[in-house]
PDB file of all heavy atoms in Angstrom:
ATOM      1  N   GLY A   1      19.869  12.797  11.884  1.00  0.00           N
ATOM      2  CA  GLY A   1      19.767  13.301  13.244  1.00  0.00           C
ATOM      3  C   GLY A   1      20.947  12.916  14.133  1.00  0.00           C
ATOM      4  O   GLY A   1      22.112  12.952  13.730  1.00  0.00           O
ATOM      5  N   TYR A   2      20.624  12.470  15.357  1.00  0.00           N
ATOM      6  CA  TYR A   2      21.643  12.130  16.346  1.00  0.00           C
ATOM      7  C   TYR A   2      22.471  10.926  15.917  1.00  0.00           C
ATOM      8  O   TYR A   2      23.633  10.776  16.344  1.00  0.00           O
ATOM      9  CB  TYR A   2      20.967  11.850  17.688  1.00  0.00           C
ATOM     10  CG  TYR A   2      21.918  11.356  18.754  1.00  0.00           C
ATOM     11  CD1 TYR A   2      22.886  12.202  19.301  1.00  0.00           C
ATOM     12  CD2 TYR A   2      21.835  10.045  19.212  1.00  0.00           C
ATOM     13  CE1 TYR A   2      23.766  11.741  20.272  1.00  0.00           C
ATOM     14  CE2 TYR A   2      22.711   9.580  20.182  1.00  0.00           C
ATOM     15  CZ  TYR A   2      23.670  10.428  20.713  1.00  0.00           C
ATOM     16  OH  TYR A   2      24.531   9.976  21.671  1.00  0.00           O
ATOM     17  N   ASP A   3      21.916  10.054  15.066  1.00  0.00           N
ATOM     18  CA  ASP A   3      22.649   8.868  14.618  1.00  0.00           C
ATOM     19  C   ASP A   3      23.921   9.244  13.856  1.00  0.00           C
ATOM     20  O   ASP A   3      24.890   8.481  13.838  1.00  0.00           O
ATOM     21  CB  ASP A   3      21.764   7.985  13.741  1.00  0.00           C
ATOM     22  CG  ASP A   3      20.628   7.345  14.533  1.00  0.00           C
ATOM     23  OD1 ASP A   3      20.769   7.273  15.768  1.00  0.00           O
ATOM     24  OD2 ASP A   3      19.630   6.934  13.927  1.00  0.00           O
ATOM     25  N   ILE A   4      23.927  10.388  13.212  1.00  0.00           N
ATOM     26  CA  ILE A   4      25.131  10.853  12.515  1.00  0.00           C
ATOM     27  C   ILE A   4      26.246  11.100  13.523  1.00  0.00           C
ATOM     28  O   ILE A   4      27.378  10.648  13.343  1.00  0.00           O
ATOM     29  CB  ILE A   4      24.832  12.137  11.708  1.00  0.00           C
ATOM     30  CG1 ILE A   4      23.767  11.857  10.629  1.00  0.00           C
ATOM     31  CG2 ILE A   4      26.114  12.677  11.073  1.00  0.00           C
ATOM     32  CD1 ILE A   4      23.271  13.111   9.934  1.00  0.00           C
ATOM     33  N   ASP A   5      25.922  11.802  14.601  1.00  0.00           N
ATOM     34  CA  ASP A   5      26.916  12.062  15.644  1.00  0.00           C
ATOM     35  C   ASP A   5      27.374  10.757  16.296  1.00  0.00           C
ATOM     36  O   ASP A   5      28.556  10.587  16.604  1.00  0.00           O
ATOM     37  CB  ASP A   5      26.331  12.991  16.706  1.00  0.00           C
ATOM     38  CG  ASP A   5      25.994  14.368  16.156  1.00  0.00           C
ATOM     39  OD1 ASP A   5      26.786  14.872  15.337  1.00  0.00           O
ATOM     40  OD2 ASP A   5      24.954  14.919  16.530  1.00  0.00           O
ATOM     41  N   LEU A   6      26.445   9.828  16.504  1.00  0.00           N
ATOM     42  CA  LEU A   6      26.780   8.555  17.135  1.00  0.00           C
ATOM     43  C   LEU A   6      27.765   7.762  16.270  1.00  0.00           C
ATOM     44  O   LEU A   6      28.714   7.160  16.781  1.00  0.00           O
ATOM     45  CB  LEU A   6      25.498   7.745  17.360  1.00  0.00           C
ATOM     46  CG  LEU A   6      25.579   6.544  18.308  1.00  0.00           C
ATOM     47  CD1 LEU A   6      26.115   6.958  19.662  1.00  0.00           C
ATOM     48  CD2 LEU A   6      24.206   5.900  18.441  1.00  0.00           C
ATOM     49  N   PHE A   7      27.554   7.796  14.956  1.00  0.00           N
ATOM     50  CA  PHE A   7      28.465   7.086  14.057  1.00  0.00           C
ATOM     51  C   PHE A   7      29.868   7.681  14.125  1.00  0.00           C
ATOM     52  O   PHE A   7      30.862   6.959  14.255  1.00  0.00           O
ATOM     53  CB  PHE A   7      27.929   7.151  12.623  1.00  0.00           C
ATOM     54  CG  PHE A   7      28.896   6.644  11.595  1.00  0.00           C
ATOM     55  CD1 PHE A   7      29.080   5.281  11.400  1.00  0.00           C
ATOM     56  CD2 PHE A   7      29.642   7.526  10.822  1.00  0.00           C
ATOM     57  CE1 PHE A   7      29.985   4.811  10.457  1.00  0.00           C
ATOM     58  CE2 PHE A   7      30.538   7.072   9.877  1.00  0.00           C
ATOM     59  CZ  PHE A   7      30.707   5.703   9.697  1.00  0.00           C
ATOM     60  N   PHE A   8      29.965   8.986  14.051  1.00  0.00           N
ATOM     61  CA  PHE A   8      31.293   9.619  14.044  1.00  0.00           C
ATOM     62  C   PHE A   8      31.959   9.608  15.422  1.00  0.00           C
ATOM     63  O   PHE A   8      33.154   9.885  15.533  1.00  0.00           O
ATOM     64  CB  PHE A   8      31.199  11.041  13.505  1.00  0.00           C
ATOM     65  CG  PHE A   8      31.074  11.097  12.007  1.00  0.00           C
ATOM     66  CD1 PHE A   8      29.868  11.395  11.405  1.00  0.00           C
ATOM     67  CD2 PHE A   8      32.170  10.820  11.200  1.00  0.00           C
ATOM     68  CE1 PHE A   8      29.749  11.447  10.020  1.00  0.00           C
ATOM     69  CE2 PHE A   8      32.067  10.860   9.818  1.00  0.00           C
ATOM     70  CZ  PHE A   8      30.853  11.162   9.233  1.00  0.00           C
ATOM     71  N   SER A   9      31.209   9.252  16.452  1.00  0.00           N
ATOM     72  CA  SER A   9      31.819   9.131  17.774  1.00  0.00           C
ATOM     73  C   SER A   9      32.754   7.928  17.853  1.00  0.00           C
ATOM     74  O   SER A   9      33.646   7.897  18.713  1.00  0.00           O
ATOM     75  CB  SER A   9      30.736   9.019  18.857  1.00  0.00           C
ATOM     76  OG  SER A   9      30.050   7.775  18.750  1.00  0.00           O
ATOM     77  N   VAL A  10      32.547   6.941  16.968  1.00  0.00           N
ATOM     78  CA  VAL A  10      33.435   5.767  16.952  1.00  0.00           C
ATOM     79  C   VAL A  10      34.220   5.655  15.648  1.00  0.00           C
ATOM     80  O   VAL A  10      35.148   4.859  15.556  1.00  0.00           O
ATOM     81  CB  VAL A  10      32.632   4.462  17.167  1.00  0.00           C
ATOM     82  CG1 VAL A  10      31.933   4.484  18.516  1.00  0.00           C
ATOM     83  CG2 VAL A  10      31.645   4.231  16.039  1.00  0.00           C
ATOM     84  N   CYS A  11      33.866   6.437  14.651  1.00  0.00           N
ATOM     85  CA  CYS A  11      34.560   6.369  13.355  1.00  0.00           C
ATOM     86  C   CYS A  11      35.758   7.309  13.366  1.00  0.00           C
ATOM     87  O   CYS A  11      35.613   8.525  13.489  1.00  0.00           O
ATOM     88  CB  CYS A  11      33.617   6.743  12.217  1.00  0.00           C
ATOM     89  SG  CYS A  11      34.416   6.748  10.591  1.00  0.00           S
ATOM     90  N   ASP A  12      36.944   6.709  13.255  1.00  0.00           N
ATOM     91  CA  ASP A  12      38.157   7.530  13.183  1.00  0.00           C
ATOM     92  C   ASP A  12      38.861   7.370  11.841  1.00  0.00           C
ATOM     93  O   ASP A  12      40.003   7.788  11.670  1.00  0.00           O
ATOM     94  CB  ASP A  12      39.111   7.164  14.319  1.00  0.00           C
ATOM     95  CG  ASP A  12      39.500   5.685  14.293  1.00  0.00           C
ATOM     96  OD1 ASP A  12      38.975   4.961  13.431  1.00  0.00           O
ATOM     97  OD2 ASP A  12      40.313   5.259  15.136  1.00  0.00           O
ATOM     98  N   ASN A  13      38.170   6.756  10.879  1.00  0.00           N
ATOM     99  CA  ASN A  13      38.750   6.491   9.564  1.00  0.00           C
ATOM    100  C   ASN A  13      38.487   7.688   8.653  1.00  0.00           C
ATOM    101  O   ASN A  13      37.351   7.921   8.232  1.00  0.00           O
ATOM    102  CB  ASN A  13      38.132   5.220   8.969  1.00  0.00           C
ATOM    103  CG  ASN A  13      38.805   4.784   7.683  1.00  0.00           C
ATOM    104  OD1 ASN A  13      39.278   5.610   6.902  1.00  0.00           O
ATOM    105  ND2 ASN A  13      38.848   3.491   7.451  1.00  0.00           N
ATOM    106  N   LYS A  14      39.529   8.432   8.349  1.00  0.00           N
ATOM    107  CA  LYS A  14      39.382   9.600   7.480  1.00  0.00           C
ATOM    108  C   LYS A  14      39.869   9.331   6.060  1.00  0.00           C
ATOM    109  O   LYS A  14      39.918  10.244   5.235  1.00  0.00           O
ATOM    110  CB  LYS A  14      40.142  10.792   8.072  1.00  0.00           C
ATOM    111  CG  LYS A  14      39.548  11.275   9.392  1.00  0.00           C
ATOM    112  CD  LYS A  14      40.196  12.552   9.866  1.00  0.00           C
ATOM    113  CE  LYS A  14      39.528  13.052  11.144  1.00  0.00           C
ATOM    114  NZ  LYS A  14      40.098  14.331  11.631  1.00  0.00           N
ATOM    115  N   GLN A  15      40.208   8.058   5.768  1.00  0.00           N
ATOM    116  CA  GLN A  15      40.695   7.699   4.444  1.00  0.00           C
ATOM    117  C   GLN A  15      39.587   7.138   3.554  1.00  0.00           C
ATOM    118  O   GLN A  15      39.449   7.515   2.399  1.00  0.00           O
ATOM    119  CB  GLN A  15      41.837   6.672   4.560  1.00  0.00           C
ATOM    120  CG  GLN A  15      43.022   7.154   5.381  1.00  0.00           C
ATOM    121  CD  GLN A  15      43.642   8.420   4.823  1.00  0.00           C
ATOM    122  OE1 GLN A  15      43.823   8.558   3.610  1.00  0.00           O
ATOM    123  NE2 GLN A  15      43.967   9.358   5.705  1.00  0.00           N
ATOM    124  N   THR A  16      38.790   6.209   4.104  1.00  0.00           N
ATOM    125  CA  THR A  16      37.732   5.577   3.320  1.00  0.00           C
ATOM    126  C   THR A  16      36.690   6.607   2.891  1.00  0.00           C
ATOM    127  O   THR A  16      36.270   7.457   3.686  1.00  0.00           O
ATOM    128  CB  THR A  16      37.038   4.464   4.127  1.00  0.00           C
ATOM    129  OG1 THR A  16      38.019   3.485   4.496  1.00  0.00           O
ATOM    130  CG2 THR A  16      35.948   3.794   3.311  1.00  0.00           C
ATOM    131  N   LYS A  17      36.274   6.509   1.641  1.00  0.00           N
ATOM    132  CA  LYS A  17      35.269   7.434   1.112  1.00  0.00           C
ATOM    133  C   LYS A  17      33.901   7.071   1.680  1.00  0.00           C
ATOM    134  O   LYS A  17      33.427   5.950   1.529  1.00  0.00           O
ATOM    135  CB  LYS A  17      35.245   7.351  -0.411  1.00  0.00           C
ATOM    136  CG  LYS A  17      34.411   8.413  -1.096  1.00  0.00           C
ATOM    137  CD  LYS A  17      34.355   8.160  -2.604  1.00  0.00           C
ATOM    138  CE  LYS A  17      35.736   8.201  -3.222  1.00  0.00           C
ATOM    139  NZ  LYS A  17      35.687   7.938  -4.672  1.00  0.00           N
ATOM    140  N   LEU A  18      33.266   8.012   2.354  1.00  0.00           N
ATOM    141  CA  LEU A  18      31.933   7.820   2.936  1.00  0.00           C
ATOM    142  C   LEU A  18      30.921   8.604   2.110  1.00  0.00           C
ATOM    143  O   LEU A  18      31.056   9.819   1.957  1.00  0.00           O
ATOM    144  CB  LEU A  18      31.901   8.303   4.388  1.00  0.00           C
ATOM    145  CG  LEU A  18      32.910   7.677   5.357  1.00  0.00           C
ATOM    146  CD1 LEU A  18      32.797   8.332   6.725  1.00  0.00           C
ATOM    147  CD2 LEU A  18      32.697   6.172   5.464  1.00  0.00           C
ATOM    148  N   VAL A  19      29.933   7.915   1.576  1.00  0.00           N
ATOM    149  CA  VAL A  19      28.888   8.566   0.780  1.00  0.00           C
ATOM    150  C   VAL A  19      27.583   8.494   1.545  1.00  0.00           C
ATOM    151  O   VAL A  19      27.048   7.405   1.786  1.00  0.00           O
ATOM    152  CB  VAL A  19      28.732   7.892  -0.601  1.00  0.00           C
ATOM    153  CG1 VAL A  19      27.610   8.565  -1.388  1.00  0.00           C
ATOM    154  CG2 VAL A  19      30.044   7.963  -1.377  1.00  0.00           C
ATOM    155  N   PHE A  20      27.085   9.631   1.947  1.00  0.00           N
ATOM    156  CA  PHE A  20      25.783   9.696   2.620  1.00  0.00           C
ATOM    157  C   PHE A  20      24.712   9.900   1.546  1.00  0.00           C
ATOM    158  O   PHE A  20      24.640  10.957   0.921  1.00  0.00           O
ATOM    159  CB  PHE A  20      25.763  10.826   3.647  1.00  0.00           C
ATOM    160  CG  PHE A  20      26.524  10.502   4.908  1.00  0.00           C
ATOM    161  CD1 PHE A  20      27.901  10.690   4.968  1.00  0.00           C
ATOM    162  CD2 PHE A  20      25.870   9.997   6.013  1.00  0.00           C
ATOM    163  CE1 PHE A  20      28.610  10.383   6.121  1.00  0.00           C
ATOM    164  CE2 PHE A  20      26.570   9.686   7.178  1.00  0.00           C
ATOM    165  CZ  PHE A  20      27.943   9.879   7.225  1.00  0.00           C
ATOM    166  N   TYR A  21      23.903   8.864   1.336  1.00  0.00           N
ATOM    167  CA  TYR A  21      22.914   8.894   0.249  1.00  0.00           C
ATOM    168  C   TYR A  21      21.514   9.184   0.802  1.00  0.00           C
ATOM    169  O   TYR A  21      21.248   9.055   1.995  1.00  0.00           O
ATOM    170  CB  TYR A  21      22.932   7.574  -0.522  1.00  0.00           C
ATOM    171  CG  TYR A  21      22.443   6.371   0.265  1.00  0.00           C
ATOM    172  CD1 TYR A  21      21.115   5.963   0.207  1.00  0.00           C
ATOM    173  CD2 TYR A  21      23.313   5.637   1.063  1.00  0.00           C
ATOM    174  CE1 TYR A  21      20.667   4.873   0.922  1.00  0.00           C
ATOM    175  CE2 TYR A  21      22.879   4.540   1.769  1.00  0.00           C
ATOM    176  CZ  TYR A  21      21.550   4.161   1.703  1.00  0.00           C
ATOM    177  OH  TYR A  21      21.100   3.077   2.426  1.00  0.00           O
ATOM    178  N   ASP A  22      20.627   9.565  -0.086  1.00  0.00           N
ATOM    179  CA  ASP A  22      19.223   9.841   0.254  1.00  0.00           C
ATOM    180  C   ASP A  22      19.097  10.810   1.427  1.00  0.00           C
ATOM    181  O   ASP A  22      18.324  10.595   2.367  1.00  0.00           O
ATOM    182  CB  ASP A  22      18.472   8.550   0.566  1.00  0.00           C
ATOM    183  CG  ASP A  22      18.020   7.821  -0.684  1.00  0.00           C
ATOM    184  OD1 ASP A  22      18.278   8.346  -1.783  1.00  0.00           O
ATOM    185  OD2 ASP A  22      17.426   6.736  -0.587  1.00  0.00           O
ATOM    186  N   ILE A  23      19.857  11.891   1.370  1.00  0.00           N
ATOM    187  CA  ILE A  23      19.705  12.946   2.382  1.00  0.00           C
ATOM    188  C   ILE A  23      18.356  13.617   2.164  1.00  0.00           C
ATOM    189  O   ILE A  23      18.038  14.066   1.059  1.00  0.00           O
ATOM    190  CB  ILE A  23      20.852  13.956   2.280  1.00  0.00           C
ATOM    191  CG1 ILE A  23      22.186  13.273   2.603  1.00  0.00           C
ATOM    192  CG2 ILE A  23      20.618  15.143   3.215  1.00  0.00           C
ATOM    193  CD1 ILE A  23      23.402  14.137   2.371  1.00  0.00           C
ATOM    194  N   THR A  24      17.553  13.694   3.216  1.00  0.00           N
ATOM    195  CA  THR A  24      16.173  14.152   3.057  1.00  0.00           C
ATOM    196  C   THR A  24      15.943  15.591   3.505  1.00  0.00           C
ATOM    197  O   THR A  24      14.891  16.164   3.201  1.00  0.00           O
ATOM    198  CB  THR A  24      15.219  13.244   3.852  1.00  0.00           C
ATOM    199  OG1 THR A  24      15.568  13.309   5.252  1.00  0.00           O
ATOM    200  CG2 THR A  24      15.325  11.800   3.395  1.00  0.00           C
ATOM    201  N   ASN A  25      16.896  16.182   4.240  1.00  0.00           N
ATOM    202  CA  ASN A  25      16.669  17.546   4.714  1.00  0.00           C
ATOM    203  C   ASN A  25      17.997  18.266   4.903  1.00  0.00           C
ATOM    204  O   ASN A  25      19.068  17.642   5.012  1.00  0.00           O
ATOM    205  CB  ASN A  25      15.867  17.557   6.019  1.00  0.00           C
ATOM    206  CG  ASN A  25      16.577  16.811   7.133  1.00  0.00           C
ATOM    207  OD1 ASN A  25      17.479  17.357   7.757  1.00  0.00           O
ATOM    208  ND2 ASN A  25      16.191  15.560   7.375  1.00  0.00           N
ATOM    209  N   GLU A  26      17.937  19.574   4.958  1.00  0.00           N
ATOM    210  CA  GLU A  26      19.137  20.399   5.007  1.00  0.00           C
ATOM    211  C   GLU A  26      19.818  20.337   6.374  1.00  0.00           C
ATOM    212  O   GLU A  26      21.032  20.574   6.478  1.00  0.00           O
ATOM    213  CB  GLU A  26      18.807  21.844   4.637  1.00  0.00           C
ATOM    214  CG  GLU A  26      17.937  22.605   5.624  1.00  0.00           C
ATOM    215  CD  GLU A  26      16.441  22.314   5.478  1.00  0.00           C
ATOM    216  OE1 GLU A  26      16.079  21.345   4.790  1.00  0.00           O
ATOM    217  OE2 GLU A  26      15.648  23.071   6.069  1.00  0.00           O
ATOM    218  N   ASN A  27      19.079  19.994   7.434  1.00  0.00           N
ATOM    219  CA  ASN A  27      19.698  19.902   8.765  1.00  0.00           C
ATOM    220  C   ASN A  27      20.689  18.742   8.832  1.00  0.00           C
ATOM    221  O   ASN A  27      21.813  18.895   9.342  1.00  0.00           O
ATOM    222  CB  ASN A  27      18.615  19.737   9.835  1.00  0.00           C
ATOM    223  CG  ASN A  27      17.731  20.961   9.965  1.00  0.00           C
ATOM    224  OD1 ASN A  27      18.187  22.088   9.764  1.00  0.00           O
ATOM    225  ND2 ASN A  27      16.471  20.756  10.290  1.00  0.00           N
ATOM    226  N   ASP A  28      20.271  17.578   8.319  1.00  0.00           N
ATOM    227  CA  ASP A  28      21.181  16.441   8.256  1.00  0.00           C
ATOM    228  C   ASP A  28      22.376  16.761   7.368  1.00  0.00           C
ATOM    229  O   ASP A  28      23.514  16.384   7.671  1.00  0.00           O
ATOM    230  CB  ASP A  28      20.453  15.201   7.719  1.00  0.00           C
ATOM    231  CG  ASP A  28      19.481  14.611   8.724  1.00  0.00           C
ATOM    232  OD1 ASP A  28      19.555  14.991   9.912  1.00  0.00           O
ATOM    233  OD2 ASP A  28      18.647  13.779   8.329  1.00  0.00           O
ATOM    234  N   LEU A  29      22.124  17.446   6.266  1.00  0.00           N
ATOM    235  CA  LEU A  29      23.200  17.798   5.338  1.00  0.00           C
ATOM    236  C   LEU A  29      24.248  18.662   6.024  1.00  0.00           C
ATOM    237  O   LEU A  29      25.453  18.405   5.899  1.00  0.00           O
ATOM    238  CB  LEU A  29      22.624  18.523   4.116  1.00  0.00           C
ATOM    239  CG  LEU A  29      23.639  19.051   3.109  1.00  0.00           C
ATOM    240  CD1 LEU A  29      24.430  17.909   2.479  1.00  0.00           C
ATOM    241  CD2 LEU A  29      22.944  19.872   2.017  1.00  0.00           C
ATOM    242  N   GLU A  30      23.818  19.680   6.741  1.00  0.00           N
ATOM    243  CA  GLU A  30      24.765  20.569   7.414  1.00  0.00           C
ATOM    244  C   GLU A  30      25.571  19.828   8.473  1.00  0.00           C
ATOM    245  O   GLU A  30      26.769  20.080   8.656  1.00  0.00           O
ATOM    246  CB  GLU A  30      24.026  21.756   8.037  1.00  0.00           C
ATOM    247  CG  GLU A  30      23.424  22.724   7.023  1.00  0.00           C
ATOM    248  CD  GLU A  30      24.474  23.357   6.127  1.00  0.00           C
ATOM    249  OE1 GLU A  30      25.635  23.501   6.571  1.00  0.00           O
ATOM    250  OE2 GLU A  30      24.146  23.703   4.981  1.00  0.00           O
ATOM    251  N   LYS A  31      24.923  18.896   9.170  1.00  0.00           N
ATOM    252  CA  LYS A  31      25.638  18.120  10.187  1.00  0.00           C
ATOM    253  C   LYS A  31      26.696  17.238   9.537  1.00  0.00           C
ATOM    254  O   LYS A  31      27.822  17.126  10.033  1.00  0.00           O
ATOM    255  CB  LYS A  31      24.639  17.271  10.973  1.00  0.00           C
ATOM    256  CG  LYS A  31      25.250  16.490  12.122  1.00  0.00           C
ATOM    257  CD  LYS A  31      24.191  15.834  12.983  1.00  0.00           C
ATOM    258  CE  LYS A  31      23.420  16.862  13.786  1.00  0.00           C
ATOM    259  NZ  LYS A  31      22.565  16.235  14.817  1.00  0.00           N
ATOM    260  N   ILE A  32      26.348  16.606   8.424  1.00  0.00           N
ATOM    261  CA  ILE A  32      27.313  15.760   7.702  1.00  0.00           C
ATOM    262  C   ILE A  32      28.476  16.600   7.191  1.00  0.00           C
ATOM    263  O   ILE A  32      29.644  16.211   7.292  1.00  0.00           O
ATOM    264  CB  ILE A  32      26.603  15.038   6.543  1.00  0.00           C
ATOM    265  CG1 ILE A  32      25.616  14.000   7.086  1.00  0.00           C
ATOM    266  CG2 ILE A  32      27.610  14.366   5.612  1.00  0.00           C
ATOM    267  CD1 ILE A  32      24.640  13.480   6.055  1.00  0.00           C
ATOM    268  N   LEU A  33      28.174  17.785   6.654  1.00  0.00           N
ATOM    269  CA  LEU A  33      29.234  18.652   6.125  1.00  0.00           C
ATOM    270  C   LEU A  33      30.155  19.169   7.227  1.00  0.00           C
ATOM    271  O   LEU A  33      31.330  19.463   6.970  1.00  0.00           O
ATOM    272  CB  LEU A  33      28.609  19.827   5.362  1.00  0.00           C
ATOM    273  CG  LEU A  33      27.910  19.469   4.047  1.00  0.00           C
ATOM    274  CD1 LEU A  33      27.261  20.702   3.444  1.00  0.00           C
ATOM    275  CD2 LEU A  33      28.882  18.845   3.058  1.00  0.00           C
ATOM    276  N   SER A  34      29.633  19.271   8.447  1.00  0.00           N
ATOM    277  CA  SER A  34      30.496  19.711   9.554  1.00  0.00           C
ATOM    278  C   SER A  34      31.588  18.689   9.831  1.00  0.00           C
ATOM    279  O   SER A  34      32.720  19.054  10.197  1.00  0.00           O
ATOM    280  CB  SER A  34      29.659  19.950  10.815  1.00  0.00           C
ATOM    281  OG  SER A  34      29.162  18.717  11.340  1.00  0.00           O
ATOM    282  N   TYR A  35      31.285  17.402   9.627  1.00  0.00           N
ATOM    283  CA  TYR A  35      32.310  16.367   9.798  1.00  0.00           C
ATOM    284  C   TYR A  35      33.252  16.333   8.600  1.00  0.00           C
ATOM    285  O   TYR A  35      34.433  15.980   8.745  1.00  0.00           O
ATOM    286  CB  TYR A  35      31.648  15.006  10.004  1.00  0.00           C
ATOM    287  CG  TYR A  35      31.042  14.858  11.382  1.00  0.00           C
ATOM    288  CD1 TYR A  35      29.669  15.015  11.573  1.00  0.00           C
ATOM    289  CD2 TYR A  35      31.839  14.591  12.481  1.00  0.00           C
ATOM    290  CE1 TYR A  35      29.108  14.896  12.838  1.00  0.00           C
ATOM    291  CE2 TYR A  35      31.295  14.479  13.759  1.00  0.00           C
ATOM    292  CZ  TYR A  35      29.924  14.629  13.929  1.00  0.00           C
ATOM    293  OH  TYR A  35      29.385  14.522  15.188  1.00  0.00           O
ATOM    294  N   LYS A  36      32.765  16.732   7.453  1.00  0.00           N
ATOM    295  CA  LYS A  36      33.653  16.833   6.289  1.00  0.00           C
ATOM    296  C   LYS A  36      34.717  17.895   6.533  1.00  0.00           C
ATOM    297  O   LYS A  36      35.884  17.733   6.149  1.00  0.00           O
ATOM    298  CB  LYS A  36      32.841  17.159   5.034  1.00  0.00           C
ATOM    299  CG  LYS A  36      33.661  17.192   3.760  1.00  0.00           C
ATOM    300  CD  LYS A  36      32.782  17.414   2.538  1.00  0.00           C
ATOM    301  CE  LYS A  36      33.607  17.396   1.262  1.00  0.00           C
ATOM    302  NZ  LYS A  36      32.755  17.575   0.046  1.00  0.00           N
ATOM    303  N   LYS A  37      34.339  18.982   7.199  1.00  0.00           N
ATOM    304  CA  LYS A  37      35.295  20.044   7.507  1.00  0.00           C
ATOM    305  C   LYS A  37      36.364  19.579   8.493  1.00  0.00           C
ATOM    306  O   LYS A  37      37.451  20.143   8.556  1.00  0.00           O
ATOM    307  CB  LYS A  37      34.554  21.257   8.072  1.00  0.00           C
ATOM    308  CG  LYS A  37      33.675  21.969   7.062  1.00  0.00           C
ATOM    309  CD  LYS A  37      32.917  23.120   7.698  1.00  0.00           C
ATOM    310  CE  LYS A  37      32.006  23.811   6.689  1.00  0.00           C
ATOM    311  NZ  LYS A  37      31.202  24.894   7.325  1.00  0.00           N
ATOM    312  N   GLU A  38      36.033  18.533   9.251  1.00  0.00           N
ATOM    313  CA  GLU A  38      37.005  17.981  10.198  1.00  0.00           C
ATOM    314  C   GLU A  38      38.004  17.046   9.528  1.00  0.00           C
ATOM    315  O   GLU A  38      38.895  16.516  10.203  1.00  0.00           O
ATOM    316  CB  GLU A  38      36.276  17.242  11.323  1.00  0.00           C
ATOM    317  CG  GLU A  38      35.456  18.149  12.221  1.00  0.00           C
ATOM    318  CD  GLU A  38      34.755  17.382  13.328  1.00  0.00           C
ATOM    319  OE1 GLU A  38      35.122  16.197  13.555  1.00  0.00           O
ATOM    320  OE2 GLU A  38      33.858  17.959  13.975  1.00  0.00           O
ATOM    321  N   GLY A  39      37.828  16.817   8.213  1.00  0.00           N
ATOM    322  CA  GLY A  39      38.806  16.017   7.489  1.00  0.00           C
ATOM    323  C   GLY A  39      38.330  14.657   7.038  1.00  0.00           C
ATOM    324  O   GLY A  39      39.098  13.911   6.409  1.00  0.00           O
ATOM    325  N   PHE A  40      37.082  14.299   7.312  1.00  0.00           N
ATOM    326  CA  PHE A  40      36.558  13.024   6.842  1.00  0.00           C
ATOM    327  C   PHE A  40      36.308  13.091   5.338  1.00  0.00           C
ATOM    328  O   PHE A  40      35.911  14.136   4.804  1.00  0.00           O
ATOM    329  CB  PHE A  40      35.261  12.663   7.577  1.00  0.00           C
ATOM    330  CG  PHE A  40      35.467  12.229   9.000  1.00  0.00           C
ATOM    331  CD1 PHE A  40      35.395  13.148  10.037  1.00  0.00           C
ATOM    332  CD2 PHE A  40      35.743  10.906   9.304  1.00  0.00           C
ATOM    333  CE1 PHE A  40      35.596  12.759  11.356  1.00  0.00           C
ATOM    334  CE2 PHE A  40      35.949  10.498  10.614  1.00  0.00           C
ATOM    335  CZ  PHE A  40      35.873  11.434  11.638  1.00  0.00           C
ATOM    336  N   ASN A  41      36.547  11.966   4.667  1.00  0.00           N
ATOM    337  CA  ASN A  41      36.403  11.875   3.209  1.00  0.00           C
ATOM    338  C   ASN A  41      34.935  11.605   2.875  1.00  0.00           C
ATOM    339  O   ASN A  41      34.522  10.459   2.645  1.00  0.00           O
ATOM    340  CB  ASN A  41      37.305  10.757   2.679  1.00  0.00           C
ATOM    341  CG  ASN A  41      37.367  10.739   1.162  1.00  0.00           C
ATOM    342  OD1 ASN A  41      36.803  11.603   0.490  1.00  0.00           O
ATOM    343  ND2 ASN A  41      38.039   9.747   0.615  1.00  0.00           N
ATOM    344  N   ILE A  42      34.148  12.654   2.832  1.00  0.00           N
ATOM    345  CA  ILE A  42      32.687  12.535   2.736  1.00  0.00           C
ATOM    346  C   ILE A  42      32.174  13.084   1.412  1.00  0.00           C
ATOM    347  O   ILE A  42      32.626  14.121   0.937  1.00  0.00           O
ATOM    348  CB  ILE A  42      32.012  13.281   3.919  1.00  0.00           C
ATOM    349  CG1 ILE A  42      32.286  12.543   5.240  1.00  0.00           C
ATOM    350  CG2 ILE A  42      30.507  13.416   3.696  1.00  0.00           C
ATOM    351  CD1 ILE A  42      31.774  13.284   6.453  1.00  0.00           C
ATOM    352  N   ARG A  43      31.198  12.368   0.836  1.00  0.00           N
ATOM    353  CA  ARG A  43      30.440  12.848  -0.316  1.00  0.00           C
ATOM    354  C   ARG A  43      28.959  12.794   0.039  1.00  0.00           C
ATOM    355  O   ARG A  43      28.533  11.940   0.814  1.00  0.00           O
ATOM    356  CB  ARG A  43      30.714  12.002  -1.559  1.00  0.00           C
ATOM    357  CG  ARG A  43      32.174  11.951  -1.982  1.00  0.00           C
ATOM    358  CD  ARG A  43      32.687  13.308  -2.455  1.00  0.00           C
ATOM    359  NE  ARG A  43      34.056  13.212  -2.925  1.00  0.00           N
ATOM    360  CZ  ARG A  43      35.130  13.326  -2.146  1.00  0.00           C
ATOM    361  NH1 ARG A  43      34.970  13.539  -0.840  1.00  0.00           N
ATOM    362  NH2 ARG A  43      36.344  13.218  -2.639  1.00  0.00           N
ATOM    363  N   THR A  44      28.181  13.689  -0.555  1.00  0.00           N
ATOM    364  CA  THR A  44      26.755  13.785  -0.217  1.00  0.00           C
ATOM    365  C   THR A  44      25.895  13.519  -1.438  1.00  0.00           C
ATOM    366  O   THR A  44      26.240  13.914  -2.551  1.00  0.00           O
ATOM    367  CB  THR A  44      26.420  15.170   0.355  1.00  0.00           C
ATOM    368  OG1 THR A  44      26.839  16.168  -0.592  1.00  0.00           O
ATOM    369  CG2 THR A  44      27.138  15.389   1.676  1.00  0.00           C
TER     370      THR A  44
END
């Protein structure tokens, strides 16, 4: 939910690999993927 946005509001590190585990719903997934499109090194 909103905690994803809150985390990325202070996270400017696009190098470290971020793995979002135990994703429980597609809404959270889409929000996480939107930050991946911004250049963050994200895995789901």
